[in-house]
């Protein structure tokens, strides 16, 4: 299996960092190289799946 590496510096360690882009109403989580900071992905700040599951529980709705 191949191991992911940074496209800029070939580092193999990554981290998630909270960020609030300018002119945005929402926070996001950047997945970036832990060495040089190159961003390789972006995720929602909130885990949408978990929020939906909690809401369904409160409403008594079964998702599975």
C-alpha atoms as a PDB file:
ATOM      1  CA  UNK A   1       0.000   0.000   0.000  1.00  0.00           C
ATOM      2  CA  UNK A   2       1.310   3.435  -0.914  1.00  0.00           C
ATOM      3  CA  UNK A   3       1.895   6.012   1.817  1.00  0.00           C
ATOM      4  CA  UNK A   4       0.638   9.569   1.353  1.00  0.00           C
ATOM      5  CA  UNK A   5       3.267  12.267   1.083  1.00  0.00           C
ATOM      6  CA  UNK A   6       3.308  16.025   0.770  1.00  0.00           C
ATOM      7  CA  UNK A   7       3.475  17.187  -2.858  1.00  0.00           C
ATOM      8  CA  UNK A   8       5.804  20.022  -1.858  1.00  0.00           C
ATOM      9  CA  UNK A   9       8.381  18.537   0.516  1.00  0.00           C
ATOM     10  CA  UNK A  10       7.725  14.738   0.504  1.00  0.00           C
ATOM     11  CA  UNK A  11       6.971  14.720   4.262  1.00  0.00           C
ATOM     12  CA  UNK A  12       4.662  11.874   5.333  1.00  0.00           C
ATOM     13  CA  UNK A  13       3.041  13.447   8.414  1.00  0.00           C
ATOM     14  CA  UNK A  14      -0.105  15.581   8.235  1.00  0.00           C
ATOM     15  CA  UNK A  15      -2.217  17.570  10.681  1.00  0.00           C
ATOM     16  CA  UNK A  16      -5.668  19.150  10.860  1.00  0.00           C
ATOM     17  CA  UNK A  17      -5.742  22.892  11.518  1.00  0.00           C
ATOM     18  CA  UNK A  18      -8.819  25.073  12.126  1.00  0.00           C
ATOM     19  CA  UNK A  19      -9.067  28.091   9.856  1.00  0.00           C
ATOM     20  CA  UNK A  20     -11.544  30.881   9.100  1.00  0.00           C
ATOM     21  CA  UNK A  21     -11.025  31.928   5.473  1.00  0.00           C
ATOM     22  CA  UNK A  22     -11.582  35.613   4.734  1.00  0.00           C
ATOM     23  CA  UNK A  23     -15.064  36.530   3.491  1.00  0.00           C
ATOM     24  CA  UNK A  24     -16.416  33.206   4.792  1.00  0.00           C
ATOM     25  CA  UNK A  25     -19.143  32.683   7.384  1.00  0.00           C
ATOM     26  CA  UNK A  26     -17.844  29.239   8.322  1.00  0.00           C
ATOM     27  CA  UNK A  27     -14.751  27.685   9.845  1.00  0.00           C
ATOM     28  CA  UNK A  28     -13.043  24.845   8.008  1.00  0.00           C
ATOM     29  CA  UNK A  29     -10.422  22.260   8.883  1.00  0.00           C
ATOM     30  CA  UNK A  30      -7.349  22.231   6.666  1.00  0.00           C
ATOM     31  CA  UNK A  31      -5.438  18.977   6.274  1.00  0.00           C
ATOM     32  CA  UNK A  32      -1.888  20.170   5.854  1.00  0.00           C
ATOM     33  CA  UNK A  33       1.680  18.970   5.872  1.00  0.00           C
ATOM     34  CA  UNK A  34       3.040  19.089   9.417  1.00  0.00           C
ATOM     35  CA  UNK A  35       6.441  20.212   8.101  1.00  0.00           C
ATOM     36  CA  UNK A  36       5.825  22.889   5.461  1.00  0.00           C
ATOM     37  CA  UNK A  37       2.103  23.665   5.903  1.00  0.00           C
ATOM     38  CA  UNK A  38       1.026  22.876   2.332  1.00  0.00           C
ATOM     39  CA  UNK A  39      -2.728  22.277   2.314  1.00  0.00           C
ATOM     40  CA  UNK A  40      -3.677  18.931   0.761  1.00  0.00           C
ATOM     41  CA  UNK A  41      -7.371  18.817   1.748  1.00  0.00           C
ATOM     42  CA  UNK A  42     -10.234  20.639   3.429  1.00  0.00           C
ATOM     43  CA  UNK A  43     -13.023  19.297   5.654  1.00  0.00           C
ATOM     44  CA  UNK A  44     -16.108  20.812   7.251  1.00  0.00           C
ATOM     45  CA  UNK A  45     -15.462  22.207  10.716  1.00  0.00           C
ATOM     46  CA  UNK A  46     -18.414  20.258  12.086  1.00  0.00           C
ATOM     47  CA  UNK A  47     -18.722  16.495  11.636  1.00  0.00           C
ATOM     48  CA  UNK A  48     -22.002  16.567   9.704  1.00  0.00           C
ATOM     49  CA  UNK A  49     -22.624  12.826  10.125  1.00  0.00           C
ATOM     50  CA  UNK A  50     -22.446  13.097  13.906  1.00  0.00           C
ATOM     51  CA  UNK A  51     -24.737  16.145  13.938  1.00  0.00           C
ATOM     52  CA  UNK A  52     -27.342  14.368  11.802  1.00  0.00           C
ATOM     53  CA  UNK A  53     -27.189  11.268  13.997  1.00  0.00           C
ATOM     54  CA  UNK A  54     -27.695  13.311  17.179  1.00  0.00           C
ATOM     55  CA  UNK A  55     -30.602  15.209  15.602  1.00  0.00           C
ATOM     56  CA  UNK A  56     -32.223  11.951  14.453  1.00  0.00           C
ATOM     57  CA  UNK A  57     -31.926  10.547  17.993  1.00  0.00           C
ATOM     58  CA  UNK A  58     -33.602  13.638  19.455  1.00  0.00           C
ATOM     59  CA  UNK A  59     -36.410  13.363  16.900  1.00  0.00           C
ATOM     60  CA  UNK A  60     -36.803   9.629  17.462  1.00  0.00           C
ATOM     61  CA  UNK A  61     -35.905   8.813  13.857  1.00  0.00           C
ATOM     62  CA  UNK A  62     -33.984   5.596  13.099  1.00  0.00           C
ATOM     63  CA  UNK A  63     -31.318   6.017  10.441  1.00  0.00           C
ATOM     64  CA  UNK A  64     -30.380   2.339  10.085  1.00  0.00           C
END
